[in-house]
Amino acid sequence: MLASSALHLSSFGGLVLNSPSNNTPKPLVFHGSQSLPLLASSNELQNLSSNWRTRTPVKTSVAAVGSSDPTQKVETGRTTYHFIVANAKFMLDEEEHFQEQLFERLRYYGERDMEQDFWLVIEPKFLDKFPNITKRLKRPAVALVSTNGPWITFMKLRLDRVLRDSFDADSVEEALASDSVDIKFEKPDKWVAPYPKYEFGWWEKFLPPGSSKTVNV
């Protein structure tokens, strides 16, 4: 008859082999250690695994990444708004990808019945808080503002020639306040780009509610 042995792992990490025995090896369960029979049956192993799970505490850490609601609230209850900004001609009349990106995102939100969280602000008042930006900026200026920081970062990389920052505000009205300004774009004598010229006023769908849509060409 073949003698069976049980492998025992103690809490000190020592290795002990039981003496040969004619009896069927049984798992020995301790609070600080476990005994695994070398010839244990599948049912015994399942029971041992169940006992180990119920006796051994496990701590789990969960990181929330890619939240469906990226809006940031600071401790005072104010909302963080992220923005990119450049001169109006670049944002509204020259950059070939900008209009496409905004209309695609608006379509995406509409298909999923999501509330719009991005706007175009012409001559935003919050720029007064950023003298290091305004001194590098041709006026009039246009900002793309959103509560979604990761998306603004993506748009910064997409457009490249824009400046990026963020600020806190008590309300969306405060965040999107703007100064009245007339924007004039000269029409090119000949349009040579492979894509069609932007239609004037395409940006009106993205202005904050109540914003003036009167712009001079």
Protein backbone atom coordinates (compact mmCIF):
# COMPACT_ATOMS: atom_id res chain seq x y z
CA MET A 1 0.00 0.00 0.00
CA LEU A 2 1.29 3.43 -0.95
CA ALA A 3 1.83 5.72 1.95
CA SER A 4 0.41 9.25 1.58
CA SER A 5 1.95 12.39 2.94
CA ALA A 6 0.49 15.76 3.77
CA LEU A 7 2.33 18.99 2.99
CA HIS A 8 1.89 21.49 5.78
CA LEU A 9 2.67 25.22 5.38
CA SER A 10 2.98 26.86 8.80
CA SER A 11 2.73 30.57 9.57
CA PHE A 12 6.55 30.59 9.89
CA GLY A 13 6.98 29.26 6.38
CA GLY A 14 8.50 25.95 7.63
CA LEU A 15 8.10 22.72 5.67
CA VAL A 16 6.94 19.65 7.59
CA LEU A 17 6.17 16.19 6.14
CA ASN A 18 3.76 14.02 8.09
CA SER A 19 4.77 10.47 8.83
CA PRO A 20 3.31 7.77 6.58
CA SER A 21 -0.06 6.59 7.73
CA ASN A 22 -2.69 4.13 6.63
CA ASN A 23 -5.41 6.65 7.29
CA THR A 24 -6.75 8.91 4.54
CA PRO A 25 -5.11 12.33 4.90
CA LYS A 26 -7.42 15.11 6.00
CA PRO A 27 -6.83 18.83 5.61
CA LEU A 28 -5.93 20.56 8.86
CA VAL A 29 -7.25 24.13 9.02
CA PHE A 30 -5.67 26.68 11.35
CA HIS A 31 -6.35 30.39 11.66
CA GLY A 32 -2.79 31.29 10.76
CA SER A 33 -1.94 28.51 8.35
CA GLN A 34 -3.35 25.87 6.01
CA SER A 35 -2.62 22.15 5.50
CA LEU A 36 -2.82 20.83 1.95
CA PRO A 37 -2.90 16.99 1.60
CA LEU A 38 -0.85 15.73 -1.29
CA LEU A 39 -3.58 13.25 -2.20
CA ALA A 40 -6.61 15.34 -1.30
CA SER A 41 -9.83 14.84 -3.23
CA SER A 42 -11.45 17.60 -5.29
CA ASN A 43 -14.23 18.05 -2.71
CA GLU A 44 -11.68 18.48 0.07
CA LEU A 45 -9.79 21.09 -1.92
CA GLN A 46 -13.00 23.00 -2.60
CA ASN A 47 -13.90 22.97 1.09
CA LEU A 48 -10.39 24.12 2.00
CA SER A 49 -10.56 26.95 -0.53
CA SER A 50 -13.93 28.02 0.86
CA ASN A 51 -12.57 27.98 4.43
CA TRP A 52 -9.54 30.05 3.41
CA ARG A 53 -11.72 32.70 1.76
CA THR A 54 -13.97 33.02 4.78
CA ARG A 55 -11.04 33.21 7.24
CA THR A 56 -8.64 35.41 5.27
CA PRO A 57 -9.36 39.19 5.11
CA VAL A 58 -8.86 40.78 1.69
CA LYS A 59 -8.62 44.51 1.04
CA THR A 60 -9.61 45.88 -2.38
CA SER A 61 -8.73 49.24 -3.85
CA VAL A 62 -10.89 50.66 -6.63
CA ALA A 63 -9.82 53.59 -8.79
CA ALA A 64 -12.54 55.49 -10.62
CA VAL A 65 -11.14 56.14 -14.08
CA GLY A 66 -13.07 57.45 -17.04
CA SER A 67 -16.15 58.51 -15.12
CA SER A 68 -19.24 59.09 -17.21
CA ASP A 69 -19.67 62.42 -15.44
CA PRO A 70 -16.32 64.27 -15.57
CA THR A 71 -17.72 67.49 -14.06
CA GLN A 72 -15.49 68.54 -11.18
CA LYS A 73 -16.85 70.16 -8.02
CA VAL A 74 -14.41 71.90 -5.72
CA GLU A 75 -14.96 71.80 -1.97
CA THR A 76 -16.81 75.12 -1.96
CA GLY A 77 -19.42 73.74 -4.37
CA ARG A 78 -18.10 75.70 -7.35
CA THR A 79 -17.70 73.98 -10.71
CA THR A 80 -14.40 73.72 -12.56
CA TYR A 81 -14.51 74.84 -16.19
CA HIS A 82 -11.78 73.95 -18.66
CA PHE A 83 -11.09 75.90 -21.82
CA ILE A 84 -8.95 76.38 -24.87
CA VAL A 85 -8.72 79.77 -26.50
CA ALA A 86 -7.31 81.39 -29.63
CA ASN A 87 -8.10 84.35 -31.84
CA ALA A 88 -11.53 84.36 -33.45
CA LYS A 89 -10.31 84.07 -37.03
CA PHE A 90 -8.37 80.90 -36.31
CA MET A 91 -11.17 79.28 -34.30
CA LEU A 92 -14.13 80.25 -36.48
CA ASP A 93 -12.79 80.88 -39.96
CA GLU A 94 -9.53 78.98 -40.51
CA GLU A 95 -9.14 75.79 -38.48
CA GLU A 96 -10.52 73.06 -40.73
CA HIS A 97 -11.10 70.48 -37.98
CA PHE A 98 -12.82 72.63 -35.39
CA GLN A 99 -16.30 72.82 -36.90
CA GLU A 100 -16.23 69.11 -37.70
CA GLN A 101 -15.29 68.15 -34.13
CA LEU A 102 -18.01 70.29 -32.54
CA PHE A 103 -20.83 69.09 -34.78
CA GLU A 104 -19.76 65.48 -34.32
CA ARG A 105 -19.82 65.87 -30.53
CA LEU A 106 -23.21 67.59 -30.66
CA ARG A 107 -24.57 64.67 -32.71
CA TYR A 108 -23.08 62.18 -30.23
CA TYR A 109 -24.77 63.94 -27.30
CA GLY A 110 -28.10 64.10 -29.13
CA GLU A 111 -28.11 60.39 -29.93
CA ARG A 112 -27.58 59.57 -26.25
CA ASP A 113 -29.89 62.26 -24.87
CA MET A 114 -26.97 63.84 -23.00
CA GLU A 115 -27.03 67.42 -21.76
CA GLN A 116 -24.62 69.70 -23.61
CA ASP A 117 -21.61 70.61 -21.47
CA PHE A 118 -19.51 72.60 -23.94
CA TRP A 119 -19.91 76.06 -25.45
CA LEU A 120 -18.17 78.64 -27.59
CA VAL A 121 -17.67 81.99 -25.89
CA ILE A 122 -16.69 85.04 -27.93
CA GLU A 123 -14.55 87.45 -25.92
CA PRO A 124 -15.09 85.66 -22.58
CA LYS A 125 -14.88 87.76 -19.45
CA PHE A 126 -12.97 85.08 -17.54
CA LEU A 127 -9.90 85.90 -19.63
CA ASP A 128 -9.32 88.85 -17.30
CA LYS A 129 -8.12 86.28 -14.75
CA PHE A 130 -5.36 85.07 -17.10
CA PRO A 131 -2.96 87.91 -17.95
CA ASN A 132 -0.30 85.44 -19.08
CA ILE A 133 -2.73 84.18 -21.71
CA THR A 134 -4.18 87.51 -22.84
CA LYS A 135 -0.74 88.98 -23.51
CA ARG A 136 -0.15 86.17 -26.03
CA LEU A 137 -3.59 86.35 -27.59
CA LYS A 138 -4.83 88.31 -30.59
CA ARG A 139 -8.26 89.83 -30.12
CA PRO A 140 -11.11 89.27 -30.49
CA ALA A 141 -10.75 85.85 -28.93
CA VAL A 142 -12.94 82.75 -28.88
CA ALA A 143 -12.86 80.09 -26.18
CA LEU A 144 -14.18 76.56 -26.18
CA VAL A 145 -15.38 75.98 -22.61
CA SER A 146 -16.46 72.69 -21.03
CA THR A 147 -16.79 70.94 -17.68
CA ASN A 148 -15.17 67.90 -19.29
CA GLY A 149 -11.43 68.31 -18.71
CA PRO A 150 -10.22 65.21 -20.63
CA TRP A 151 -12.12 66.29 -23.75
CA ILE A 152 -10.66 69.80 -23.59
CA THR A 153 -7.21 68.22 -23.34
CA PHE A 154 -8.02 66.18 -26.46
CA MET A 155 -9.14 69.31 -28.31
CA LYS A 156 -5.95 71.10 -27.27
CA LEU A 157 -3.92 68.31 -28.87
CA ARG A 158 -6.21 68.26 -31.91
CA LEU A 159 -6.05 71.97 -32.66
CA ASP A 160 -2.51 72.55 -31.40
CA ARG A 161 -2.28 76.33 -31.82
CA VAL A 162 -4.48 77.14 -28.83
CA LEU A 163 -3.90 77.94 -25.15
CA ARG A 164 -5.40 75.86 -22.35
CA ASP A 165 -6.33 76.49 -18.71
CA SER A 166 -9.20 76.15 -16.21
CA PHE A 167 -11.08 78.16 -13.59
CA ASP A 168 -13.85 77.80 -11.00
CA ALA A 169 -17.23 79.50 -11.12
CA ASP A 170 -20.40 79.53 -9.03
CA SER A 171 -22.73 79.24 -12.03
CA VAL A 172 -22.68 78.51 -15.74
CA GLU A 173 -23.82 82.09 -16.38
CA GLU A 174 -20.75 83.40 -14.57
CA ALA A 175 -18.46 81.01 -16.41
CA LEU A 176 -19.78 81.85 -19.88
CA ALA A 177 -20.18 85.63 -19.50
CA SER A 178 -18.80 87.57 -22.47
CA ASP A 179 -18.20 91.09 -23.72
CA SER A 180 -20.03 92.44 -26.75
CA VAL A 181 -17.82 92.53 -29.82
CA ASP A 182 -18.07 92.71 -33.58
CA ILE A 183 -16.24 90.03 -35.56
CA LYS A 184 -15.24 90.66 -39.15
CA PHE A 185 -13.77 88.06 -41.47
CA GLU A 186 -12.46 88.99 -44.88
CA LYS A 187 -13.60 86.68 -47.62
CA PRO A 188 -10.74 85.17 -49.60
CA ASP A 189 -10.57 86.05 -53.30
CA LYS A 190 -9.97 82.41 -54.15
CA TRP A 191 -10.61 79.36 -51.98
CA VAL A 192 -8.09 76.61 -52.82
CA ALA A 193 -8.54 74.19 -49.93
CA PRO A 194 -9.92 70.71 -50.77
CA TYR A 195 -12.74 71.15 -48.23
CA PRO A 196 -15.62 73.66 -48.52
CA LYS A 197 -15.36 77.02 -46.78
CA TYR A 198 -17.09 77.33 -43.46
CA GLU A 199 -20.53 78.87 -43.68
CA PHE A 200 -20.62 82.13 -41.79
CA GLY A 201 -22.42 81.82 -38.45
CA TRP A 202 -21.92 78.05 -38.08
CA TRP A 203 -20.81 78.63 -34.48
CA GLU A 204 -24.18 80.06 -33.35
CA LYS A 205 -25.43 76.61 -32.29
CA PHE A 206 -22.64 76.46 -29.73
CA LEU A 207 -23.03 79.89 -28.13
CA PRO A 208 -24.38 80.02 -24.56
CA PRO A 209 -28.13 80.69 -24.23
CA GLY A 210 -28.87 84.39 -24.47
CA SER A 211 -25.65 85.27 -26.29
CA SER A 212 -25.82 87.84 -29.05
CA LYS A 213 -25.65 86.31 -32.51
CA THR A 214 -25.14 89.60 -34.31
CA VAL A 215 -21.72 89.56 -35.95
CA ASN A 216 -20.45 91.80 -38.70
CA VAL A 217 -18.62 90.40 -41.71
